[in-house]
Amino acid sequence: MITKRLLKILFLTLLFNSVSGQTDFYSRLADSALLLTYQEVEYDPTYVKLKYPNGDVPADKGVCTDVIIRAYRKFGIDLQKEVHTDMTSNFEMYPQNWGLQQPDKNIDHRRVPNLMTFFTRHGTVLTISQDPKDYQPGEIVCWRLGGGQTHIGIVSRQKSDDGKRYLIIHNIGAGQVLEDCLFNYKIIGHYRYGE
């Protein structure tokens, strides 16, 4: 009988093999995000004062952006620092939705519109389509949920039951999970950021 612990060990082995050079950066990023789904995380949008750089909310708390932040951090990429540095020099280029007069290193990287701006400025903007083949592992997808709310997730390397599309790693309220939800909401952003 395969236990959850044994599955985790097998997955960690797969992740180690990926990180040691058997796949590209984006596949390793997708694996990094998938590993996060093994952590118990309560959805919690509370504003928290963070250390800087490499600040993070408590490991058992988080929102959708924290999935992205934590996945990249496993590769030494600190989105808190990267976004804050860019916003400090280019504040006027970022959304002015929150009434701030200057960047806030505690929260800016945890806001989807800010990450979208950052990925547009420093990553690769990819096609938005309804074709599942356009969405590959390790890519970032952003959605509009309605009521002005936005959402973000990472494309995994696992396919849907029908084999037609990759599953998404995200946190939309039930913790860091893997779900078949690529086309459940209106896609408003699609990016690749990293190597």
N, C-alpha and C. Protein backbone atom coordinates (compact mmCIF):
# COMPACT_ATOMS: atom_id res chain seq x y z
N MET A 1 0.84 -1.20 0.00
CA MET A 1 0.00 0.00 0.00
C MET A 1 0.87 1.25 0.00
N ILE A 2 0.57 2.19 -0.90
CA ILE A 2 1.34 3.44 -0.98
C ILE A 2 0.71 4.47 -0.05
N THR A 3 1.50 4.91 0.92
CA THR A 3 1.02 5.91 1.87
C THR A 3 1.34 7.31 1.36
N LYS A 4 0.73 8.30 2.00
CA LYS A 4 1.00 9.69 1.63
C LYS A 4 2.48 10.01 1.84
N ARG A 5 3.06 9.45 2.91
CA ARG A 5 4.48 9.68 3.19
C ARG A 5 5.35 9.10 2.07
N LEU A 6 5.03 7.89 1.61
CA LEU A 6 5.79 7.28 0.53
C LEU A 6 5.63 8.08 -0.77
N LEU A 7 4.42 8.54 -1.04
CA LEU A 7 4.21 9.38 -2.22
C LEU A 7 5.04 10.65 -2.14
N LYS A 8 5.12 11.22 -0.96
CA LYS A 8 5.90 12.45 -0.78
C LYS A 8 7.38 12.15 -1.04
N ILE A 9 7.88 11.03 -0.53
CA ILE A 9 9.28 10.66 -0.75
C ILE A 9 9.55 10.47 -2.24
N LEU A 10 8.62 9.77 -2.92
CA LEU A 10 8.77 9.58 -4.36
C LEU A 10 8.77 10.91 -5.09
N PHE A 11 7.89 11.80 -4.67
CA PHE A 11 7.83 13.11 -5.32
C PHE A 11 9.10 13.90 -5.07
N LEU A 12 9.61 13.86 -3.83
CA LEU A 12 10.84 14.59 -3.53
C LEU A 12 12.01 14.04 -4.34
N THR A 13 12.00 12.74 -4.57
CA THR A 13 13.03 12.14 -5.42
C THR A 13 12.92 12.67 -6.83
N LEU A 14 11.68 12.73 -7.35
CA LEU A 14 11.44 13.28 -8.68
C LEU A 14 11.92 14.73 -8.75
N LEU A 15 11.59 15.50 -7.71
CA LEU A 15 12.00 16.90 -7.68
C LEU A 15 13.52 17.01 -7.65
N PHE A 16 14.19 16.19 -6.85
CA PHE A 16 15.65 16.23 -6.79
C PHE A 16 16.23 15.92 -8.16
N ASN A 17 15.70 14.91 -8.83
CA ASN A 17 16.18 14.57 -10.16
C ASN A 17 15.98 15.71 -11.13
N SER A 18 14.85 16.40 -11.01
CA SER A 18 14.58 17.54 -11.89
C SER A 18 15.57 18.66 -11.65
N VAL A 19 15.81 18.98 -10.37
CA VAL A 19 16.69 20.08 -10.03
C VAL A 19 18.12 19.76 -10.44
N SER A 20 18.48 18.48 -10.48
CA SER A 20 19.86 18.11 -10.81
C SER A 20 20.13 18.14 -12.32
N GLY A 21 19.22 18.66 -13.12
CA GLY A 21 19.51 18.91 -14.51
C GLY A 21 18.77 18.06 -15.52
N GLN A 22 17.81 17.28 -15.09
CA GLN A 22 17.13 16.41 -16.04
C GLN A 22 16.00 17.11 -16.78
N THR A 23 15.62 18.32 -16.37
CA THR A 23 14.58 19.08 -17.06
C THR A 23 14.97 20.56 -17.09
N ASP A 24 14.24 21.35 -17.85
CA ASP A 24 14.55 22.77 -17.93
C ASP A 24 14.04 23.53 -16.70
N PHE A 25 14.41 24.81 -16.64
CA PHE A 25 14.05 25.64 -15.49
C PHE A 25 12.55 25.65 -15.24
N TYR A 26 11.75 25.77 -16.28
CA TYR A 26 10.31 25.93 -16.10
C TYR A 26 9.65 24.63 -15.61
N SER A 27 10.15 23.50 -16.04
CA SER A 27 9.66 22.23 -15.50
C SER A 27 10.03 22.09 -14.03
N ARG A 28 11.24 22.52 -13.68
CA ARG A 28 11.65 22.48 -12.27
C ARG A 28 10.82 23.45 -11.44
N LEU A 29 10.48 24.62 -12.02
CA LEU A 29 9.63 25.58 -11.31
C LEU A 29 8.25 24.98 -11.06
N ALA A 30 7.70 24.30 -12.07
CA ALA A 30 6.40 23.63 -11.90
C ALA A 30 6.48 22.59 -10.79
N ASP A 31 7.57 21.82 -10.74
CA ASP A 31 7.75 20.83 -9.68
C ASP A 31 7.88 21.49 -8.32
N SER A 32 8.57 22.63 -8.28
CA SER A 32 8.72 23.38 -7.04
C SER A 32 7.36 23.83 -6.51
N ALA A 33 6.51 24.32 -7.41
CA ALA A 33 5.17 24.74 -7.01
C ALA A 33 4.34 23.54 -6.55
N LEU A 34 4.48 22.42 -7.24
CA LEU A 34 3.72 21.23 -6.85
C LEU A 34 4.09 20.77 -5.45
N LEU A 35 5.36 20.88 -5.11
CA LEU A 35 5.80 20.51 -3.76
C LEU A 35 5.05 21.32 -2.70
N LEU A 36 4.70 22.55 -3.02
CA LEU A 36 3.97 23.40 -2.07
C LEU A 36 2.60 22.83 -1.72
N THR A 37 2.02 22.02 -2.60
CA THR A 37 0.69 21.48 -2.33
C THR A 37 0.71 20.46 -1.19
N TYR A 38 1.89 20.05 -0.76
CA TYR A 38 2.00 19.12 0.36
C TYR A 38 1.98 19.85 1.70
N GLN A 39 2.03 21.18 1.68
CA GLN A 39 1.98 21.97 2.90
C GLN A 39 0.54 22.34 3.21
N GLU A 40 0.17 22.25 4.46
CA GLU A 40 -1.14 22.72 4.90
C GLU A 40 -1.09 24.24 5.00
N VAL A 41 -1.88 24.92 4.19
CA VAL A 41 -1.89 26.39 4.18
C VAL A 41 -3.32 26.89 4.23
N GLU A 42 -3.57 27.78 5.16
CA GLU A 42 -4.88 28.43 5.29
C GLU A 42 -4.86 29.71 4.46
N TYR A 43 -5.91 29.91 3.66
CA TYR A 43 -6.01 31.15 2.88
C TYR A 43 -6.17 32.30 3.85
N ASP A 44 -5.25 33.27 3.78
CA ASP A 44 -5.28 34.38 4.73
C ASP A 44 -4.69 35.62 4.06
N PRO A 45 -5.54 36.60 3.68
CA PRO A 45 -5.05 37.80 3.00
C PRO A 45 -4.60 38.93 3.94
N THR A 46 -4.42 38.62 5.22
CA THR A 46 -4.05 39.64 6.20
C THR A 46 -2.72 40.31 5.84
N TYR A 47 -2.70 41.65 5.94
CA TYR A 47 -1.46 42.40 5.75
C TYR A 47 -0.50 42.05 6.88
N VAL A 48 0.74 41.71 6.52
CA VAL A 48 1.74 41.30 7.50
C VAL A 48 3.02 42.08 7.24
N LYS A 49 3.64 42.61 8.30
CA LYS A 49 4.96 43.24 8.15
C LYS A 49 5.97 42.12 7.97
N LEU A 50 6.77 42.23 6.90
CA LEU A 50 7.72 41.19 6.55
C LEU A 50 9.16 41.67 6.69
N LYS A 51 10.05 40.74 6.98
CA LYS A 51 11.47 41.11 6.91
C LYS A 51 11.79 41.37 5.45
N TYR A 52 12.90 42.03 5.20
CA TYR A 52 13.29 42.34 3.83
C TYR A 52 14.80 42.26 3.74
N PRO A 53 15.34 41.59 2.74
CA PRO A 53 14.66 40.81 1.70
C PRO A 53 14.26 39.42 2.22
N ASN A 54 13.74 38.60 1.32
CA ASN A 54 13.32 37.22 1.60
C ASN A 54 12.26 37.10 2.69
N GLY A 55 11.40 38.10 2.80
CA GLY A 55 10.32 38.02 3.77
C GLY A 55 9.20 37.13 3.27
N ASP A 56 8.53 36.47 4.20
CA ASP A 56 7.41 35.61 3.84
C ASP A 56 6.41 35.61 4.98
N VAL A 57 5.14 35.45 4.64
CA VAL A 57 4.12 35.28 5.67
C VAL A 57 4.36 33.93 6.33
N PRO A 58 3.74 33.65 7.49
CA PRO A 58 3.92 32.35 8.13
C PRO A 58 3.65 31.21 7.14
N ALA A 59 4.41 30.14 7.25
CA ALA A 59 4.37 29.04 6.28
C ALA A 59 2.99 28.39 6.18
N ASP A 60 2.16 28.52 7.22
CA ASP A 60 0.83 27.90 7.19
C ASP A 60 -0.26 28.87 6.75
N LYS A 61 0.15 30.02 6.23
CA LYS A 61 -0.79 31.04 5.74
C LYS A 61 -0.42 31.44 4.32
N GLY A 62 -1.36 32.06 3.59
CA GLY A 62 -1.00 32.57 2.29
C GLY A 62 -2.18 32.80 1.38
N VAL A 63 -1.89 33.41 0.24
CA VAL A 63 -2.86 33.69 -0.81
C VAL A 63 -2.27 33.21 -2.13
N CYS A 64 -2.93 33.49 -3.23
CA CYS A 64 -2.48 32.99 -4.53
C CYS A 64 -1.07 33.44 -4.87
N THR A 65 -0.75 34.69 -4.61
CA THR A 65 0.57 35.20 -4.96
C THR A 65 1.68 34.51 -4.17
N ASP A 66 1.36 34.06 -2.97
CA ASP A 66 2.38 33.39 -2.15
C ASP A 66 2.83 32.07 -2.77
N VAL A 67 1.96 31.42 -3.53
CA VAL A 67 2.36 30.20 -4.25
C VAL A 67 3.48 30.55 -5.23
N ILE A 68 3.31 31.63 -5.96
CA ILE A 68 4.29 32.07 -6.95
C ILE A 68 5.59 32.46 -6.25
N ILE A 69 5.47 33.27 -5.21
CA ILE A 69 6.63 33.76 -4.46
C ILE A 69 7.43 32.59 -3.90
N ARG A 70 6.76 31.63 -3.29
CA ARG A 70 7.45 30.50 -2.66
C ARG A 70 8.08 29.57 -3.69
N ALA A 71 7.43 29.37 -4.81
CA ALA A 71 8.00 28.51 -5.86
C ALA A 71 9.29 29.12 -6.40
N TYR A 72 9.29 30.41 -6.68
CA TYR A 72 10.49 31.07 -7.19
C TYR A 72 11.59 31.13 -6.14
N ARG A 73 11.22 31.30 -4.90
CA ARG A 73 12.22 31.43 -3.84
C ARG A 73 13.08 30.16 -3.73
N LYS A 74 12.51 29.01 -4.08
CA LYS A 74 13.28 27.75 -4.04
C LYS A 74 14.44 27.78 -5.02
N PHE A 75 14.44 28.72 -5.96
CA PHE A 75 15.52 28.86 -6.94
C PHE A 75 16.34 30.13 -6.70
N GLY A 76 16.19 30.70 -5.51
CA GLY A 76 16.97 31.89 -5.16
C GLY A 76 16.45 33.17 -5.78
N ILE A 77 15.23 33.14 -6.31
CA ILE A 77 14.62 34.34 -6.89
C ILE A 77 13.64 34.92 -5.88
N ASP A 78 13.98 36.08 -5.35
CA ASP A 78 13.17 36.73 -4.31
C ASP A 78 12.29 37.79 -4.96
N LEU A 79 11.04 37.43 -5.25
CA LEU A 79 10.13 38.38 -5.89
C LEU A 79 9.82 39.58 -5.01
N GLN A 80 9.89 39.42 -3.70
CA GLN A 80 9.72 40.57 -2.82
C GLN A 80 10.76 41.64 -3.17
N LYS A 81 12.02 41.22 -3.23
CA LYS A 81 13.11 42.16 -3.52
C LYS A 81 13.04 42.66 -4.96
N GLU A 82 12.79 41.76 -5.90
CA GLU A 82 12.77 42.14 -7.32
C GLU A 82 11.66 43.16 -7.60
N VAL A 83 10.47 42.89 -7.09
CA VAL A 83 9.34 43.81 -7.32
C VAL A 83 9.59 45.13 -6.60
N HIS A 84 10.06 45.08 -5.36
CA HIS A 84 10.29 46.31 -4.60
C HIS A 84 11.35 47.18 -5.29
N THR A 85 12.43 46.55 -5.75
CA THR A 85 13.48 47.30 -6.44
C THR A 85 12.93 47.98 -7.69
N ASP A 86 12.16 47.24 -8.47
CA ASP A 86 11.61 47.82 -9.70
C ASP A 86 10.59 48.91 -9.38
N MET A 87 9.75 48.68 -8.37
CA MET A 87 8.75 49.69 -8.03
C MET A 87 9.38 50.95 -7.46
N THR A 88 10.48 50.80 -6.74
CA THR A 88 11.16 51.97 -6.18
C THR A 88 11.63 52.91 -7.28
N SER A 89 12.11 52.33 -8.39
CA SER A 89 12.61 53.14 -9.51
C SER A 89 11.52 53.51 -10.52
N ASN A 90 10.42 52.77 -10.52
CA ASN A 90 9.40 52.95 -11.56
C ASN A 90 7.99 52.91 -10.98
N PHE A 91 7.79 53.55 -9.87
CA PHE A 91 6.51 53.46 -9.14
C PHE A 91 5.32 53.85 -10.02
N GLU A 92 5.51 54.84 -10.88
CA GLU A 92 4.40 55.33 -11.71
C GLU A 92 3.97 54.32 -12.77
N MET A 93 4.78 53.31 -13.05
CA MET A 93 4.44 52.30 -14.06
C MET A 93 3.57 51.17 -13.49
N TYR A 94 3.43 51.15 -12.17
CA TYR A 94 2.66 50.10 -11.50
C TYR A 94 1.24 50.60 -11.21
N PRO A 95 0.30 49.67 -11.07
CA PRO A 95 -1.08 50.08 -10.76
C PRO A 95 -1.14 50.94 -9.50
N GLN A 96 -2.00 51.92 -9.53
CA GLN A 96 -2.16 52.82 -8.39
C GLN A 96 -3.50 52.53 -7.71
N ASN A 97 -3.81 51.26 -7.53
CA ASN A 97 -5.12 50.83 -7.02
C ASN A 97 -5.29 50.95 -5.52
N TRP A 98 -4.23 51.17 -4.76
CA TRP A 98 -4.31 51.05 -3.31
C TRP A 98 -4.04 52.36 -2.59
N GLY A 99 -3.93 53.45 -3.31
CA GLY A 99 -3.75 54.76 -2.69
C GLY A 99 -2.39 54.98 -2.04
N LEU A 100 -1.40 54.19 -2.42
CA LEU A 100 -0.06 54.35 -1.84
C LEU A 100 0.68 55.49 -2.52
N GLN A 101 1.55 56.15 -1.78
CA GLN A 101 2.38 57.22 -2.32
C GLN A 101 3.79 56.73 -2.65
N GLN A 102 4.10 55.53 -2.19
CA GLN A 102 5.41 54.94 -2.42
C GLN A 102 5.30 53.42 -2.29
N PRO A 103 6.30 52.67 -2.75
CA PRO A 103 6.25 51.21 -2.64
C PRO A 103 6.18 50.74 -1.19
N ASP A 104 5.59 49.58 -0.99
CA ASP A 104 5.50 48.95 0.34
C ASP A 104 6.05 47.53 0.21
N LYS A 105 7.25 47.31 0.71
CA LYS A 105 7.92 46.02 0.56
C LYS A 105 7.21 44.87 1.27
N ASN A 106 6.23 45.19 2.10
CA ASN A 106 5.48 44.15 2.82
C ASN A 106 4.36 43.53 1.97
N ILE A 107 3.87 44.27 0.98
CA ILE A 107 2.65 43.81 0.29
C ILE A 107 2.72 43.89 -1.23
N ASP A 108 3.55 44.75 -1.80
CA ASP A 108 3.51 44.99 -3.25
C ASP A 108 3.65 43.71 -4.07
N HIS A 109 4.56 42.83 -3.69
CA HIS A 109 4.79 41.59 -4.43
C HIS A 109 3.67 40.57 -4.21
N ARG A 110 2.79 40.82 -3.28
CA ARG A 110 1.67 39.92 -2.97
C ARG A 110 0.38 40.38 -3.63
N ARG A 111 0.48 41.30 -4.57
CA ARG A 111 -0.69 41.79 -5.30
C ARG A 111 -0.58 41.38 -6.76
N VAL A 112 -1.60 40.70 -7.27
CA VAL A 112 -1.58 40.17 -8.63
C VAL A 112 -1.30 41.25 -9.67
N PRO A 113 -1.98 42.41 -9.66
CA PRO A 113 -1.69 43.42 -10.69
C PRO A 113 -0.23 43.87 -10.70
N ASN A 114 0.40 43.93 -9.52
CA ASN A 114 1.82 44.30 -9.46
C ASN A 114 2.69 43.21 -10.07
N LEU A 115 2.38 41.94 -9.78
CA LEU A 115 3.16 40.86 -10.39
C LEU A 115 2.97 40.85 -11.90
N MET A 116 1.76 41.11 -12.36
CA MET A 116 1.53 41.18 -13.81
C MET A 116 2.40 42.26 -14.45
N THR A 117 2.46 43.42 -13.81
CA THR A 117 3.30 44.51 -14.33
C THR A 117 4.76 44.10 -14.32
N PHE A 118 5.21 43.51 -13.22
CA PHE A 118 6.60 43.09 -13.12
C PHE A 118 6.94 42.05 -14.19
N PHE A 119 6.09 41.04 -14.37
CA PHE A 119 6.37 40.01 -15.37
C PHE A 119 6.32 40.58 -16.79
N THR A 120 5.46 41.56 -17.01
CA THR A 120 5.42 42.23 -18.32
C THR A 120 6.72 42.98 -18.57
N ARG A 121 7.23 43.63 -17.56
CA ARG A 121 8.45 44.43 -17.69
C ARG A 121 9.72 43.58 -17.76
N HIS A 122 9.75 42.45 -17.05
CA HIS A 122 11.00 41.71 -16.89
C HIS A 122 10.94 40.26 -17.35
N GLY A 123 9.79 39.80 -17.76
CA GLY A 123 9.67 38.43 -18.24
C GLY A 123 9.26 38.42 -19.70
N THR A 124 8.61 37.34 -20.09
CA THR A 124 8.10 37.20 -21.44
C THR A 124 6.58 37.15 -21.38
N VAL A 125 5.92 38.02 -22.12
CA VAL A 125 4.46 38.01 -22.21
C VAL A 125 4.09 36.98 -23.28
N LEU A 126 3.23 36.04 -22.91
CA LEU A 126 2.84 34.96 -23.80
C LEU A 126 1.40 35.14 -24.28
N THR A 127 1.03 34.37 -25.28
CA THR A 127 -0.29 34.42 -25.88
C THR A 127 -1.38 34.06 -24.87
N ILE A 128 -2.48 34.79 -24.92
CA ILE A 128 -3.69 34.43 -24.18
C ILE A 128 -4.63 33.81 -25.19
N SER A 129 -5.02 32.57 -24.95
CA SER A 129 -5.90 31.88 -25.89
C SER A 129 -6.76 30.87 -25.14
N GLN A 130 -7.61 30.20 -25.87
CA GLN A 130 -8.41 29.11 -25.32
C GLN A 130 -7.85 27.76 -25.78
N ASP A 131 -6.63 27.77 -26.30
CA ASP A 131 -5.97 26.54 -26.74
C ASP A 131 -5.06 26.05 -25.63
N PRO A 132 -5.36 24.90 -25.04
CA PRO A 132 -4.55 24.41 -23.92
C PRO A 132 -3.08 24.17 -24.28
N LYS A 133 -2.78 23.97 -25.54
CA LYS A 133 -1.39 23.74 -25.96
C LYS A 133 -0.53 24.99 -25.78
N ASP A 134 -1.17 26.15 -25.65
CA ASP A 134 -0.42 27.40 -25.46
C ASP A 134 0.09 27.57 -24.03
N TYR A 135 -0.33 26.70 -23.12
CA TYR A 135 0.03 26.84 -21.70
C TYR A 135 0.89 25.66 -21.29
N GLN A 136 2.15 25.98 -20.94
CA GLN A 136 3.14 24.95 -20.66
C GLN A 136 3.63 25.02 -19.20
N PRO A 137 4.18 23.92 -18.70
CA PRO A 137 4.64 23.87 -17.30
C PRO A 137 5.58 25.02 -16.94
N GLY A 138 5.38 25.55 -15.74
CA GLY A 138 6.21 26.62 -15.22
C GLY A 138 5.79 28.01 -15.65
N GLU A 139 4.80 28.10 -16.52
CA GLU A 139 4.31 29.42 -16.93
C GLU A 139 3.32 29.95 -15.90
N ILE A 140 3.22 31.25 -15.84
CA ILE A 140 2.33 31.95 -14.91
C ILE A 140 1.07 32.36 -15.66
N VAL A 141 -0.08 32.11 -15.04
CA VAL A 141 -1.36 32.51 -15.62
C VAL A 141 -2.09 33.38 -14.61
N CYS A 142 -2.71 34.46 -15.10
CA CYS A 142 -3.52 35.35 -14.26
C CYS A 142 -4.94 35.40 -14.80
N TRP A 143 -5.90 35.50 -13.88
CA TRP A 143 -7.31 35.50 -14.24
C TRP A 143 -8.03 36.68 -13.58
N ARG A 144 -9.17 37.06 -14.17
CA ARG A 144 -10.11 37.98 -13.54
C ARG A 144 -11.26 37.13 -13.02
N LEU A 145 -11.53 37.24 -11.73
CA LEU A 145 -12.56 36.42 -11.10
C LEU A 145 -13.92 37.08 -11.09
N GLY A 146 -13.98 38.36 -11.30
CA GLY A 146 -15.23 39.11 -11.16
C GLY A 146 -15.15 40.01 -9.95
N GLY A 147 -15.94 41.04 -9.94
CA GLY A 147 -15.93 41.97 -8.81
C GLY A 147 -14.58 42.66 -8.63
N GLY A 148 -13.79 42.76 -9.70
CA GLY A 148 -12.50 43.42 -9.62
C GLY A 148 -11.39 42.55 -9.05
N GLN A 149 -11.70 41.31 -8.70
CA GLN A 149 -10.68 40.43 -8.11
C GLN A 149 -9.85 39.75 -9.20
N THR A 150 -8.57 39.62 -8.92
CA THR A 150 -7.66 38.94 -9.82
C THR A 150 -7.06 37.73 -9.10
N HIS A 151 -6.48 36.83 -9.89
CA HIS A 151 -5.95 35.58 -9.35
C HIS A 151 -4.74 35.17 -10.18
N ILE A 152 -3.86 34.35 -9.58
CA ILE A 152 -2.63 33.93 -10.25
C ILE A 152 -2.30 32.49 -9.88
N GLY A 153 -1.69 31.76 -10.81
CA GLY A 153 -1.27 30.39 -10.55
C GLY A 153 -0.14 29.99 -11.49
N ILE A 154 0.39 28.80 -11.27
CA ILE A 154 1.48 28.25 -12.08
C ILE A 154 0.99 27.00 -12.79
N VAL A 155 1.34 26.86 -14.05
CA VAL A 155 0.99 25.67 -14.81
C VAL A 155 1.89 24.52 -14.34
N SER A 156 1.27 23.38 -14.01
CA SER A 156 2.00 22.22 -13.52
C SER A 156 2.44 21.32 -14.68
N ARG A 157 3.09 20.21 -14.35
CA ARG A 157 3.45 19.21 -15.36
C ARG A 157 2.44 18.06 -15.39
N GLN A 158 1.40 18.13 -14.54
CA GLN A 158 0.38 17.09 -14.50
C GLN A 158 -0.77 17.47 -15.43
N LYS A 159 -1.28 16.49 -16.13
CA LYS A 159 -2.37 16.73 -17.09
C LYS A 159 -3.72 16.44 -16.46
N SER A 160 -4.75 17.03 -17.04
CA SER A 160 -6.13 16.78 -16.64
C SER A 160 -6.49 15.33 -16.94
N ASP A 161 -7.58 14.85 -16.36
CA ASP A 161 -8.00 13.45 -16.56
C ASP A 161 -8.19 13.11 -18.03
N ASP A 162 -8.63 14.07 -18.83
CA ASP A 162 -8.82 13.80 -20.26
C ASP A 162 -7.54 14.01 -21.07
N GLY A 163 -6.45 14.42 -20.39
CA GLY A 163 -5.16 14.58 -21.05
C GLY A 163 -5.04 15.79 -21.95
N LYS A 164 -6.00 16.70 -21.89
CA LYS A 164 -6.03 17.83 -22.84
C LYS A 164 -5.32 19.08 -22.35
N ARG A 165 -5.16 19.24 -21.05
CA ARG A 165 -4.54 20.47 -20.55
C ARG A 165 -3.78 20.17 -19.26
N TYR A 166 -2.81 21.04 -18.97
CA TYR A 166 -2.07 20.92 -17.72
C TYR A 166 -2.91 21.48 -16.57
N LEU A 167 -2.73 20.88 -15.40
CA LEU A 167 -3.39 21.35 -14.19
C LEU A 167 -2.67 22.60 -13.67
N ILE A 168 -3.34 23.34 -12.80
CA ILE A 168 -2.83 24.59 -12.25
C ILE A 168 -2.57 24.41 -10.75
N ILE A 169 -1.46 24.99 -10.29
CA ILE A 169 -1.14 25.04 -8.86
C ILE A 169 -1.46 26.46 -8.41
N HIS A 170 -2.35 26.57 -7.43
CA HIS A 170 -2.80 27.91 -7.01
C HIS A 170 -3.41 27.82 -5.61
N ASN A 171 -3.81 28.98 -5.10
CA ASN A 171 -4.52 29.06 -3.82
C ASN A 171 -5.66 30.06 -4.02
N ILE A 172 -6.86 29.52 -4.15
CA ILE A 172 -8.02 30.39 -4.36
C ILE A 172 -8.96 30.35 -3.15
N GLY A 173 -8.45 29.79 -2.06
CA GLY A 173 -9.25 29.75 -0.83
C GLY A 173 -9.15 28.44 -0.09
N ALA A 174 -8.72 27.40 -0.77
CA ALA A 174 -8.64 26.07 -0.14
C ALA A 174 -7.20 25.64 0.11
N GLY A 175 -6.29 26.59 0.18
CA GLY A 175 -4.88 26.26 0.37
C GLY A 175 -4.19 26.08 -0.97
N GLN A 176 -2.93 25.69 -0.92
CA GLN A 176 -2.10 25.50 -2.11
C GLN A 176 -2.46 24.15 -2.72
N VAL A 177 -3.17 24.17 -3.85
CA VAL A 177 -3.72 22.95 -4.42
C VAL A 177 -3.41 22.83 -5.91
N LEU A 178 -3.58 21.62 -6.42
CA LEU A 178 -3.44 21.30 -7.83
C LEU A 178 -4.83 21.04 -8.37
N GLU A 179 -5.26 21.83 -9.40
CA GLU A 179 -6.62 21.70 -9.90
C GLU A 179 -6.68 21.86 -11.42
N ASP A 180 -7.72 21.31 -11.98
CA ASP A 180 -8.02 21.47 -13.41
C ASP A 180 -8.91 22.70 -13.56
N CYS A 181 -8.28 23.88 -13.64
CA CYS A 181 -9.06 25.12 -13.64
C CYS A 181 -8.54 26.16 -14.63
N LEU A 182 -7.73 25.75 -15.58
CA LEU A 182 -7.10 26.71 -16.50
C LEU A 182 -8.12 27.63 -17.15
N PHE A 183 -9.23 27.08 -17.61
CA PHE A 183 -10.22 27.88 -18.33
C PHE A 183 -11.48 28.17 -17.52
N ASN A 184 -11.39 28.03 -16.21
CA ASN A 184 -12.56 28.29 -15.35
C ASN A 184 -12.87 29.78 -15.21
N TYR A 185 -11.88 30.62 -15.44
CA TYR A 185 -12.03 32.07 -15.27
C TYR A 185 -11.45 32.76 -16.50
N LYS A 186 -11.72 34.03 -16.64
CA LYS A 186 -11.19 34.80 -17.78
C LYS A 186 -9.70 35.04 -17.60
N ILE A 187 -8.89 34.54 -18.52
CA ILE A 187 -7.44 34.71 -18.46
C ILE A 187 -7.10 36.14 -18.90
N ILE A 188 -6.32 36.84 -18.08
CA ILE A 188 -5.93 38.22 -18.38
C ILE A 188 -4.42 38.39 -18.46
N GLY A 189 -3.67 37.33 -18.17
CA GLY A 189 -2.22 37.41 -18.24
C GLY A 189 -1.60 36.03 -18.38
N HIS A 190 -0.50 35.96 -19.12
CA HIS A 190 0.20 34.69 -19.35
C HIS A 190 1.67 35.04 -19.54
N TYR A 191 2.53 34.50 -18.67
CA TYR A 191 3.92 34.94 -18.64
C TYR A 191 4.88 33.78 -18.42
N ARG A 192 6.12 34.05 -18.79
CA ARG A 192 7.23 33.19 -18.44
C ARG A 192 8.27 34.11 -17.80
N TYR A 193 8.77 33.71 -16.64
CA TYR A 193 9.78 34.54 -15.95
C TYR A 193 10.80 33.61 -15.31
N GLY A 194 12.05 33.90 -15.55
CA GLY A 194 13.13 33.10 -14.97
C GLY A 194 14.29 33.03 -15.93
N GLU A 195 14.92 31.87 -15.98
CA GLU A 195 16.11 31.68 -16.83
C GLU A 195 15.84 32.03 -18.27
